[in-house]
Amino acid sequence: MRVKKAIEGLEGVKKVDVSLENKQAVVEFDEGKTDVKKIKAVVQENGYEPS
């Protein structure tokens, strides 16, 4: 799954669970190394609309 690998590639991301069926991603990350804005940008770059 391309979007999962892209999110996992961000520094500070610890865990990613993606459900395309539910249109949902749950991301566990270190706030000192990344933030929601960066994660949303990666999601959007991979063709999905973050909420």
C-alpha atoms as a PDB file:
ATOM      1  CA  MET A   1       0.000   0.000   0.000  1.00  0.00           C
ATOM      2  CA  ARG A   2       1.730   3.126  -1.282  1.00  0.00           C
ATOM      3  CA  VAL A   3       0.286   5.646   1.178  1.00  0.00           C
ATOM      4  CA  LYS A   4       1.209   3.484   4.185  1.00  0.00           C
ATOM      5  CA  LYS A   5       4.820   3.184   3.031  1.00  0.00           C
ATOM      6  CA  ALA A   6       4.978   6.933   2.418  1.00  0.00           C
ATOM      7  CA  ILE A   7       3.754   7.704   5.939  1.00  0.00           C
ATOM      8  CA  GLU A   8       6.120   5.115   7.416  1.00  0.00           C
ATOM      9  CA  GLY A   9       8.963   6.912   5.631  1.00  0.00           C
ATOM     10  CA  LEU A  10       8.504  10.041   7.725  1.00  0.00           C
ATOM     11  CA  GLU A  11      10.986  10.461  10.545  1.00  0.00           C
ATOM     12  CA  GLY A  12       9.319   9.884  13.910  1.00  0.00           C
ATOM     13  CA  VAL A  13       6.485   7.655  12.676  1.00  0.00           C
ATOM     14  CA  LYS A  14       6.242   4.611  14.929  1.00  0.00           C
ATOM     15  CA  LYS A  15       3.178   2.763  13.620  1.00  0.00           C
ATOM     16  CA  VAL A  16       0.702   3.094  10.747  1.00  0.00           C
ATOM     17  CA  ASP A  17      -2.564   1.210  10.261  1.00  0.00           C
ATOM     18  CA  VAL A  18      -4.422   2.003   7.032  1.00  0.00           C
ATOM     19  CA  SER A  19      -7.901   0.835   6.027  1.00  0.00           C
ATOM     20  CA  LEU A  20      -8.804   1.851   2.489  1.00  0.00           C
ATOM     21  CA  GLU A  21     -12.224   0.251   2.997  1.00  0.00           C
ATOM     22  CA  ASN A  22     -12.945   2.549   5.955  1.00  0.00           C
ATOM     23  CA  LYS A  23     -11.018   5.460   4.413  1.00  0.00           C
ATOM     24  CA  GLN A  24      -8.989   5.760   7.599  1.00  0.00           C
ATOM     25  CA  ALA A  25      -5.383   5.824   8.739  1.00  0.00           C
ATOM     26  CA  VAL A  26      -4.236   5.665  12.347  1.00  0.00           C
ATOM     27  CA  VAL A  27      -0.709   6.967  12.848  1.00  0.00           C
ATOM     28  CA  GLU A  28       1.382   6.761  16.009  1.00  0.00           C
ATOM     29  CA  PHE A  29       4.279   9.223  15.914  1.00  0.00           C
ATOM     30  CA  ASP A  30       6.834  11.153  17.948  1.00  0.00           C
ATOM     31  CA  GLU A  31       5.650  14.783  18.076  1.00  0.00           C
ATOM     32  CA  GLY A  32       9.247  15.912  18.499  1.00  0.00           C
ATOM     33  CA  LYS A  33      10.178  14.546  15.065  1.00  0.00           C
ATOM     34  CA  THR A  34       7.093  15.059  12.884  1.00  0.00           C
ATOM     35  CA  ASP A  35       3.622  16.547  13.060  1.00  0.00           C
ATOM     36  CA  VAL A  36       0.097  16.138  11.724  1.00  0.00           C
ATOM     37  CA  LYS A  37       0.711  18.749   9.012  1.00  0.00           C
ATOM     38  CA  LYS A  38       3.590  16.714   7.522  1.00  0.00           C
ATOM     39  CA  ILE A  39       1.580  13.491   7.700  1.00  0.00           C
ATOM     40  CA  LYS A  40      -1.390  15.124   5.959  1.00  0.00           C
ATOM     41  CA  ALA A  41       0.922  16.472   3.238  1.00  0.00           C
ATOM     42  CA  VAL A  42       2.262  12.973   2.518  1.00  0.00           C
ATOM     43  CA  VAL A  43      -1.276  11.570   2.403  1.00  0.00           C
ATOM     44  CA  GLN A  44      -2.299  14.264  -0.084  1.00  0.00           C
ATOM     45  CA  GLU A  45       0.834  13.728  -2.204  1.00  0.00           C
ATOM     46  CA  ASN A  46      -0.268  10.103  -2.581  1.00  0.00           C
ATOM     47  CA  GLY A  47      -3.682  10.990  -3.971  1.00  0.00           C
ATOM     48  CA  TYR A  48      -5.846  10.910  -0.849  1.00  0.00           C
ATOM     49  CA  GLU A  49      -7.693  13.725   0.884  1.00  0.00           C
ATOM     50  CA  PRO A  50      -6.749  13.996   4.572  1.00  0.00           C
ATOM     51  CA  SER A  51      -9.279  15.193   7.101  1.00  0.00           C
END
